[in-house]
Amino acid sequence: MIKKGLKVKILSGKDKNKEGEVIEIDRKNNRAKIKGINIVKKHLKTTKEKKGGIISKENFIHLSNLKNIEKNTKVEVKK
């Protein structure tokens, strides 16, 4: 299972074979945001509070295109 904070590998798409950390998960649509992966350009309109322009940010990737590469760190309790 893929959770926030885990390290994953991208299996397909333009960022194939890259690795990154999960920063956000959308369980309803089965998608996840990976730090530094699937960067898109977003055009923002200028407002009173924020300056407009073109910003780069991560976009969601489907969970089927991700592979967990972090080993579980559970400690077994001996009886």
PDB file of N, CA and C in Angstrom:
ATOM      1  N   MET A   1       0.842  -1.183   0.000  1.00  0.00           N
ATOM      2  CA  MET A   1       0.000   0.000   0.000  1.00  0.00           C
ATOM      3  C   MET A   1       0.884   1.243   0.000  1.00  0.00           C
ATOM      4  N   ILE A   2       0.516   2.198  -0.789  1.00  0.00           N
ATOM      5  CA  ILE A   2       1.271   3.443  -0.898  1.00  0.00           C
ATOM      6  C   ILE A   2       0.687   4.476   0.055  1.00  0.00           C
ATOM      7  N   LYS A   3       1.556   5.040   0.889  1.00  0.00           N
ATOM      8  CA  LYS A   3       1.132   6.022   1.881  1.00  0.00           C
ATOM      9  C   LYS A   3       1.977   7.275   1.751  1.00  0.00           C
ATOM     10  N   LYS A   4       1.520   8.345   2.364  1.00  0.00           N
ATOM     11  CA  LYS A   4       2.241   9.611   2.365  1.00  0.00           C
ATOM     12  C   LYS A   4       3.590   9.428   3.075  1.00  0.00           C
ATOM     13  N   GLY A   5       4.649   9.941   2.455  1.00  0.00           N
ATOM     14  CA  GLY A   5       5.976   9.859   3.041  1.00  0.00           C
ATOM     15  C   GLY A   5       6.817   8.693   2.549  1.00  0.00           C
ATOM     16  N   LEU A   6       6.217   7.727   1.846  1.00  0.00           N
ATOM     17  CA  LEU A   6       6.968   6.579   1.338  1.00  0.00           C
ATOM     18  C   LEU A   6       7.736   6.944   0.073  1.00  0.00           C
ATOM     19  N   LYS A   7       8.823   6.224  -0.169  1.00  0.00           N
ATOM     20  CA  LYS A   7       9.622   6.417  -1.372  1.00  0.00           C
ATOM     21  C   LYS A   7       9.097   5.457  -2.437  1.00  0.00           C
ATOM     22  N   VAL A   8       8.837   5.985  -3.648  1.00  0.00           N
ATOM     23  CA  VAL A   8       8.272   5.176  -4.727  1.00  0.00           C
ATOM     24  C   VAL A   8       9.081   5.364  -6.011  1.00  0.00           C
ATOM     25  N   LYS A   9       8.914   4.401  -6.926  1.00  0.00           N
ATOM     26  CA  LYS A   9       9.546   4.450  -8.241  1.00  0.00           C
ATOM     27  C   LYS A   9       8.445   4.575  -9.282  1.00  0.00           C
ATOM     28  N   ILE A  10       8.683   5.394 -10.328  1.00  0.00           N
ATOM     29  CA  ILE A  10       7.704   5.591 -11.397  1.00  0.00           C
ATOM     30  C   ILE A  10       7.906   4.494 -12.433  1.00  0.00           C
ATOM     31  N   LEU A  11       6.813   3.800 -12.808  1.00  0.00           N
ATOM     32  CA  LEU A  11       6.897   2.672 -13.733  1.00  0.00           C
ATOM     33  C   LEU A  11       6.618   3.043 -15.179  1.00  0.00           C
ATOM     34  N   SER A  12       5.877   4.139 -15.426  1.00  0.00           N
ATOM     35  CA  SER A  12       5.578   4.520 -16.800  1.00  0.00           C
ATOM     36  C   SER A  12       5.377   6.019 -16.902  1.00  0.00           C
ATOM     37  N   GLY A  13       5.412   6.526 -18.141  1.00  0.00           N
ATOM     38  CA  GLY A  13       5.217   7.948 -18.379  1.00  0.00           C
ATOM     39  C   GLY A  13       6.524   8.664 -18.654  1.00  0.00           C
ATOM     40  N   LYS A  14       6.467   9.988 -18.698  1.00  0.00           N
ATOM     41  CA  LYS A  14       7.642  10.777 -19.050  1.00  0.00           C
ATOM     42  C   LYS A  14       8.725  10.741 -17.972  1.00  0.00           C
ATOM     43  N   ASP A  15       8.370  10.388 -16.742  1.00  0.00           N
ATOM     44  CA  ASP A  15       9.331  10.320 -15.644  1.00  0.00           C
ATOM     45  C   ASP A  15       9.668   8.877 -15.257  1.00  0.00           C
ATOM     46  N   LYS A  16       9.611   7.953 -16.221  1.00  0.00           N
ATOM     47  CA  LYS A  16       9.862   6.541 -15.975  1.00  0.00           C
ATOM     48  C   LYS A  16      11.232   6.324 -15.331  1.00  0.00           C
ATOM     49  N   ASN A  17      11.299   5.400 -14.361  1.00  0.00           N
ATOM     50  CA  ASN A  17      12.500   5.004 -13.625  1.00  0.00           C
ATOM     51  C   ASN A  17      13.015   6.063 -12.656  1.00  0.00           C
ATOM     52  N   LYS A  18      12.292   7.155 -12.450  1.00  0.00           N
ATOM     53  CA  LYS A  18      12.688   8.144 -11.449  1.00  0.00           C
ATOM     54  C   LYS A  18      12.093   7.746 -10.108  1.00  0.00           C
ATOM     55  N   GLU A  19      12.698   8.260  -9.030  1.00  0.00           N
ATOM     56  CA  GLU A  19      12.233   7.960  -7.685  1.00  0.00           C
ATOM     57  C   GLU A  19      11.901   9.245  -6.953  1.00  0.00           C
ATOM     58  N   GLY A  20      10.950   9.166  -6.040  1.00  0.00           N
ATOM     59  CA  GLY A  20      10.578  10.331  -5.261  1.00  0.00           C
ATOM     60  C   GLY A  20       9.732   9.951  -4.067  1.00  0.00           C
ATOM     61  N   GLU A  21       9.407  10.957  -3.256  1.00  0.00           N
ATOM     62  CA  GLU A  21       8.636  10.749  -2.042  1.00  0.00           C
ATOM     63  C   GLU A  21       7.193  11.208  -2.252  1.00  0.00           C
ATOM     64  N   VAL A  22       6.242  10.435  -1.747  1.00  0.00           N
ATOM     65  CA  VAL A  22       4.819  10.771  -1.863  1.00  0.00           C
ATOM     66  C   VAL A  22       4.529  11.948  -0.936  1.00  0.00           C
ATOM     67  N   ILE A  23       3.949  13.031  -1.504  1.00  0.00           N
ATOM     68  CA  ILE A  23       3.633  14.201  -0.691  1.00  0.00           C
ATOM     69  C   ILE A  23       2.132  14.383  -0.495  1.00  0.00           C
ATOM     70  N   GLU A  24       1.327  13.747  -1.352  1.00  0.00           N
ATOM     71  CA  GLU A  24      -0.130  13.872  -1.229  1.00  0.00           C
ATOM     72  C   GLU A  24      -0.792  12.702  -1.932  1.00  0.00           C
ATOM     73  N   ILE A  25      -1.924  12.228  -1.390  1.00  0.00           N
ATOM     74  CA  ILE A  25      -2.659  11.114  -1.996  1.00  0.00           C
ATOM     75  C   ILE A  25      -4.127  11.489  -2.144  1.00  0.00           C
ATOM     76  N   ASP A  26      -4.688  11.161  -3.314  1.00  0.00           N
ATOM     77  CA  ASP A  26      -6.111  11.349  -3.588  1.00  0.00           C
ATOM     78  C   ASP A  26      -6.721   9.952  -3.718  1.00  0.00           C
ATOM     79  N   ARG A  27      -7.207   9.396  -2.610  1.00  0.00           N
ATOM     80  CA  ARG A  27      -7.740   8.029  -2.596  1.00  0.00           C
ATOM     81  C   ARG A  27      -8.990   7.877  -3.467  1.00  0.00           C
ATOM     82  N   LYS A  28      -9.794   8.913  -3.558  1.00  0.00           N
ATOM     83  CA  LYS A  28     -11.036   8.843  -4.335  1.00  0.00           C
ATOM     84  C   LYS A  28     -10.743   8.561  -5.806  1.00  0.00           C
ATOM     85  N   ASN A  29      -9.704   9.193  -6.346  1.00  0.00           N
ATOM     86  CA  ASN A  29      -9.349   9.026  -7.758  1.00  0.00           C
ATOM     87  C   ASN A  29      -8.136   8.131  -7.969  1.00  0.00           C
ATOM     88  N   ASN A  30      -7.629   7.492  -6.906  1.00  0.00           N
ATOM     89  CA  ASN A  30      -6.463   6.597  -6.974  1.00  0.00           C
ATOM     90  C   ASN A  30      -5.242   7.281  -7.585  1.00  0.00           C
ATOM     91  N   ARG A  31      -4.910   8.452  -7.076  1.00  0.00           N
ATOM     92  CA  ARG A  31      -3.774   9.211  -7.592  1.00  0.00           C
ATOM     93  C   ARG A  31      -2.894   9.700  -6.454  1.00  0.00           C
ATOM     94  N   ALA A  32      -1.623   9.972  -6.780  1.00  0.00           N
ATOM     95  CA  ALA A  32      -0.682  10.467  -5.778  1.00  0.00           C
ATOM     96  C   ALA A  32       0.210  11.538  -6.395  1.00  0.00           C
ATOM     97  N   LYS A  33       0.668  12.462  -5.557  1.00  0.00           N
ATOM     98  CA  LYS A  33       1.621  13.495  -5.959  1.00  0.00           C
ATOM     99  C   LYS A  33       2.984  13.102  -5.426  1.00  0.00           C
ATOM    100  N   ILE A  34       3.996  13.123  -6.299  1.00  0.00           N
ATOM    101  CA  ILE A  34       5.350  12.741  -5.930  1.00  0.00           C
ATOM    102  C   ILE A  34       6.247  13.972  -6.012  1.00  0.00           C
ATOM    103  N   LYS A  35       7.092  14.159  -5.006  1.00  0.00           N
ATOM    104  CA  LYS A  35       7.967  15.331  -4.943  1.00  0.00           C
ATOM    105  C   LYS A  35       8.946  15.329  -6.123  1.00  0.00           C
ATOM    106  N   GLY A  36       8.909  16.386  -6.939  1.00  0.00           N
ATOM    107  CA  GLY A  36       9.836  16.547  -8.054  1.00  0.00           C
ATOM    108  C   GLY A  36       9.494  15.749  -9.303  1.00  0.00           C
ATOM    109  N   ILE A  37       8.339  15.096  -9.343  1.00  0.00           N
ATOM    110  CA  ILE A  37       7.944  14.246 -10.471  1.00  0.00           C
ATOM    111  C   ILE A  37       6.678  14.805 -11.116  1.00  0.00           C
ATOM    112  N   ASN A  38       6.564  14.651 -12.439  1.00  0.00           N
ATOM    113  CA  ASN A  38       5.401  15.098 -13.218  1.00  0.00           C
ATOM    114  C   ASN A  38       5.156  16.601 -13.035  1.00  0.00           C
ATOM    115  N   ILE A  39       6.181  17.386 -13.293  1.00  0.00           N
ATOM    116  CA  ILE A  39       6.115  18.842 -13.147  1.00  0.00           C
ATOM    117  C   ILE A  39       5.332  19.430 -14.317  1.00  0.00           C
ATOM    118  N   VAL A  40       4.356  20.299 -14.007  1.00  0.00           N
ATOM    119  CA  VAL A  40       3.566  20.976 -15.026  1.00  0.00           C
ATOM    120  C   VAL A  40       3.645  22.483 -14.793  1.00  0.00           C
ATOM    121  N   LYS A  41       3.393  23.253 -15.849  1.00  0.00           N
ATOM    122  CA  LYS A  41       3.367  24.718 -15.758  1.00  0.00           C
ATOM    123  C   LYS A  41       1.937  25.170 -15.521  1.00  0.00           C
ATOM    124  N   LYS A  42       1.751  26.091 -14.590  1.00  0.00           N
ATOM    125  CA  LYS A  42       0.421  26.607 -14.253  1.00  0.00           C
ATOM    126  C   LYS A  42       0.453  28.122 -14.393  1.00  0.00           C
ATOM    127  N   HIS A  43      -0.487  28.666 -15.161  1.00  0.00           N
ATOM    128  CA  HIS A  43      -0.587  30.111 -15.358  1.00  0.00           C
ATOM    129  C   HIS A  43      -1.502  30.685 -14.285  1.00  0.00           C
ATOM    130  N   LEU A  44      -0.994  31.658 -13.516  1.00  0.00           N
ATOM    131  CA  LEU A  44      -1.784  32.296 -12.466  1.00  0.00           C
ATOM    132  C   LEU A  44      -2.080  33.738 -12.817  1.00  0.00           C
ATOM    133  N   LYS A  45      -3.308  34.137 -12.580  1.00  0.00           N
ATOM    134  CA  LYS A  45      -3.724  35.505 -12.817  1.00  0.00           C
ATOM    135  C   LYS A  45      -3.326  36.370 -11.615  1.00  0.00           C
ATOM    136  N   THR A  46      -2.934  37.604 -11.864  1.00  0.00           N
ATOM    137  CA  THR A  46      -2.552  38.515 -10.798  1.00  0.00           C
ATOM    138  C   THR A  46      -3.776  38.939  -9.988  1.00  0.00           C
ATOM    139  N   THR A  47      -3.627  38.913  -8.660  1.00  0.00           N
ATOM    140  CA  THR A  47      -4.671  39.387  -7.760  1.00  0.00           C
ATOM    141  C   THR A  47      -4.062  40.421  -6.815  1.00  0.00           C
ATOM    142  N   LYS A  48      -4.866  40.973  -5.922  1.00  0.00           N
ATOM    143  CA  LYS A  48      -4.343  41.948  -4.968  1.00  0.00           C
ATOM    144  C   LYS A  48      -3.339  41.311  -4.012  1.00  0.00           C
ATOM    145  N   GLU A  49      -3.575  40.046  -3.644  1.00  0.00           N
ATOM    146  CA  GLU A  49      -2.709  39.366  -2.691  1.00  0.00           C
ATOM    147  C   GLU A  49      -1.494  38.710  -3.347  1.00  0.00           C
ATOM    148  N   LYS A  50      -1.687  38.149  -4.536  1.00  0.00           N
ATOM    149  CA  LYS A  50      -0.623  37.359  -5.177  1.00  0.00           C
ATOM    150  C   LYS A  50      -0.238  37.947  -6.519  1.00  0.00           C
ATOM    151  N   LYS A  51       1.047  37.786  -6.807  1.00  0.00           N
ATOM    152  CA  LYS A  51       1.557  38.173  -8.116  1.00  0.00           C
ATOM    153  C   LYS A  51       1.293  37.027  -9.094  1.00  0.00           C
ATOM    154  N   GLY A  52       0.887  37.351 -10.287  1.00  0.00           N
ATOM    155  CA  GLY A  52       0.604  36.331 -11.292  1.00  0.00           C
ATOM    156  C   GLY A  52       1.869  35.864 -11.985  1.00  0.00           C
ATOM    157  N   GLY A  53       1.695  34.990 -12.952  1.00  0.00           N
ATOM    158  CA  GLY A  53       2.820  34.488 -13.717  1.00  0.00           C
ATOM    159  C   GLY A  53       2.690  32.994 -13.962  1.00  0.00           C
ATOM    160  N   ILE A  54       3.787  32.400 -14.402  1.00  0.00           N
ATOM    161  CA  ILE A  54       3.819  30.970 -14.693  1.00  0.00           C
ATOM    162  C   ILE A  54       4.607  30.287 -13.586  1.00  0.00           C
ATOM    163  N   ILE A  55       3.982  29.311 -12.914  1.00  0.00           N
ATOM    164  CA  ILE A  55       4.679  28.574 -11.868  1.00  0.00           C
ATOM    165  C   ILE A  55       4.752  27.102 -12.266  1.00  0.00           C
ATOM    166  N   SER A  56       5.742  26.404 -11.739  1.00  0.00           N
ATOM    167  CA  SER A  56       5.878  24.962 -11.949  1.00  0.00           C
ATOM    168  C   SER A  56       5.466  24.252 -10.673  1.00  0.00           C
ATOM    169  N   LYS A  57       4.672  23.176 -10.816  1.00  0.00           N
ATOM    170  CA  LYS A  57       4.262  22.416  -9.650  1.00  0.00           C
ATOM    171  C   LYS A  57       4.055  20.963 -10.033  1.00  0.00           C
ATOM    172  N   GLU A  58       4.020  20.089  -9.006  1.00  0.00           N
ATOM    173  CA  GLU A  58       3.800  18.670  -9.247  1.00  0.00           C
ATOM    174  C   GLU A  58       2.330  18.412  -9.549  1.00  0.00           C
ATOM    175  N   ASN A  59       2.088  17.421 -10.414  1.00  0.00           N
ATOM    176  CA  ASN A  59       0.728  17.007 -10.719  1.00  0.00           C
ATOM    177  C   ASN A  59       0.550  15.558 -10.283  1.00  0.00           C
ATOM    178  N   PHE A  60      -0.699  15.088 -10.204  1.00  0.00           N
ATOM    179  CA  PHE A  60      -0.982  13.740  -9.734  1.00  0.00           C
ATOM    180  C   PHE A  60      -0.607  12.677 -10.765  1.00  0.00           C
ATOM    181  N   ILE A  61      -0.241  11.484 -10.256  1.00  0.00           N
ATOM    182  CA  ILE A  61       0.068  10.298 -11.067  1.00  0.00           C
ATOM    183  C   ILE A  61      -0.816   9.164 -10.550  1.00  0.00           C
ATOM    184  N   HIS A  62      -1.301   8.319 -11.448  1.00  0.00           N
ATOM    185  CA  HIS A  62      -2.143   7.199 -11.037  1.00  0.00           C
ATOM    186  C   HIS A  62      -1.328   6.195 -10.228  1.00  0.00           C
ATOM    187  N   LEU A  63      -1.955   5.604  -9.198  1.00  0.00           N
ATOM    188  CA  LEU A  63      -1.260   4.678  -8.306  1.00  0.00           C
ATOM    189  C   LEU A  63      -0.747   3.428  -9.017  1.00  0.00           C
ATOM    190  N   SER A  64      -1.371   3.044 -10.140  1.00  0.00           N
ATOM    191  CA  SER A  64      -0.925   1.853 -10.865  1.00  0.00           C
ATOM    192  C   SER A  64       0.427   2.071 -11.536  1.00  0.00           C
ATOM    193  N   ASN A  65       0.862   3.323 -11.660  1.00  0.00           N
ATOM    194  CA  ASN A  65       2.153   3.634 -12.273  1.00  0.00           C
ATOM    195  C   ASN A  65       3.253   3.811 -11.237  1.00  0.00           C
ATOM    196  N   LEU A  66       2.982   3.448  -9.984  1.00  0.00           N
ATOM    197  CA  LEU A  66       3.947   3.613  -8.906  1.00  0.00           C
ATOM    198  C   LEU A  66       4.293   2.264  -8.282  1.00  0.00           C
ATOM    199  N   LYS A  67       5.547   2.154  -7.806  1.00  0.00           N
ATOM    200  CA  LYS A  67       6.001   0.944  -7.129  1.00  0.00           C
ATOM    201  C   LYS A  67       6.689   1.357  -5.838  1.00  0.00           C
ATOM    202  N   ASN A  68       6.276   0.761  -4.724  1.00  0.00           N
ATOM    203  CA  ASN A  68       6.874   1.052  -3.433  1.00  0.00           C
ATOM    204  C   ASN A  68       8.275   0.445  -3.380  1.00  0.00           C
ATOM    205  N   ILE A  69       9.305   1.262  -3.094  1.00  0.00           N
ATOM    206  CA  ILE A  69      10.669   0.738  -3.024  1.00  0.00           C
ATOM    207  C   ILE A  69      11.232   0.786  -1.611  1.00  0.00           C
ATOM    208  N   GLU A  70      10.428   1.267  -0.669  1.00  0.00           N
ATOM    209  CA  GLU A  70      10.871   1.353   0.720  1.00  0.00           C
ATOM    210  C   GLU A  70      10.486   0.069   1.442  1.00  0.00           C
ATOM    211  N   LYS A  71      11.445  -0.518   2.148  1.00  0.00           N
ATOM    212  CA  LYS A  71      11.186  -1.751   2.884  1.00  0.00           C
ATOM    213  C   LYS A  71      10.417  -1.424   4.156  1.00  0.00           C
ATOM    214  N   ASN A  72       9.556  -2.357   4.580  1.00  0.00           N
ATOM    215  CA  ASN A  72       8.825  -2.163   5.837  1.00  0.00           C
ATOM    216  C   ASN A  72       9.800  -2.251   6.994  1.00  0.00           C
ATOM    217  N   THR A  73       9.614  -1.394   7.980  1.00  0.00           N
ATOM    218  CA  THR A  73      10.532  -1.354   9.121  1.00  0.00           C
ATOM    219  C   THR A  73       9.830  -1.822  10.396  1.00  0.00           C
ATOM    220  N   LYS A  74       8.963  -2.814  10.269  1.00  0.00           N
ATOM    221  CA  LYS A  74       8.276  -3.353  11.433  1.00  0.00           C
ATOM    222  C   LYS A  74       9.232  -4.217  12.249  1.00  0.00           C
ATOM    223  N   VAL A  75       9.139  -4.098  13.547  1.00  0.00           N
ATOM    224  CA  VAL A  75       9.972  -4.900  14.442  1.00  0.00           C
ATOM    225  C   VAL A  75       9.108  -5.994  15.028  1.00  0.00           C
ATOM    226  N   GLU A  76       9.584  -7.246  14.909  1.00  0.00           N
ATOM    227  CA  GLU A  76       8.828  -8.362  15.441  1.00  0.00           C
ATOM    228  C   GLU A  76       9.075  -8.479  16.941  1.00  0.00           C
ATOM    229  N   VAL A  77       8.020  -8.770  17.672  1.00  0.00           N
ATOM    230  CA  VAL A  77       8.134  -8.959  19.120  1.00  0.00           C
ATOM    231  C   VAL A  77       8.192 -10.449  19.401  1.00  0.00           C
ATOM    232  N   LYS A  78       9.288 -10.879  20.062  1.00  0.00           N
ATOM    233  CA  LYS A  78       9.428 -12.316  20.392  1.00  0.00           C
ATOM    234  C   LYS A  78       8.747 -12.593  21.710  1.00  0.00           C
ATOM    235  N   LYS A  79       8.049 -13.738  21.775  1.00  0.00           N
ATOM    236  CA  LYS A  79       7.339 -14.111  22.990  1.00  0.00           C
ATOM    237  C   LYS A  79       8.190 -14.976  23.872  1.00  0.00           C
TER     238      LYS A  79
END
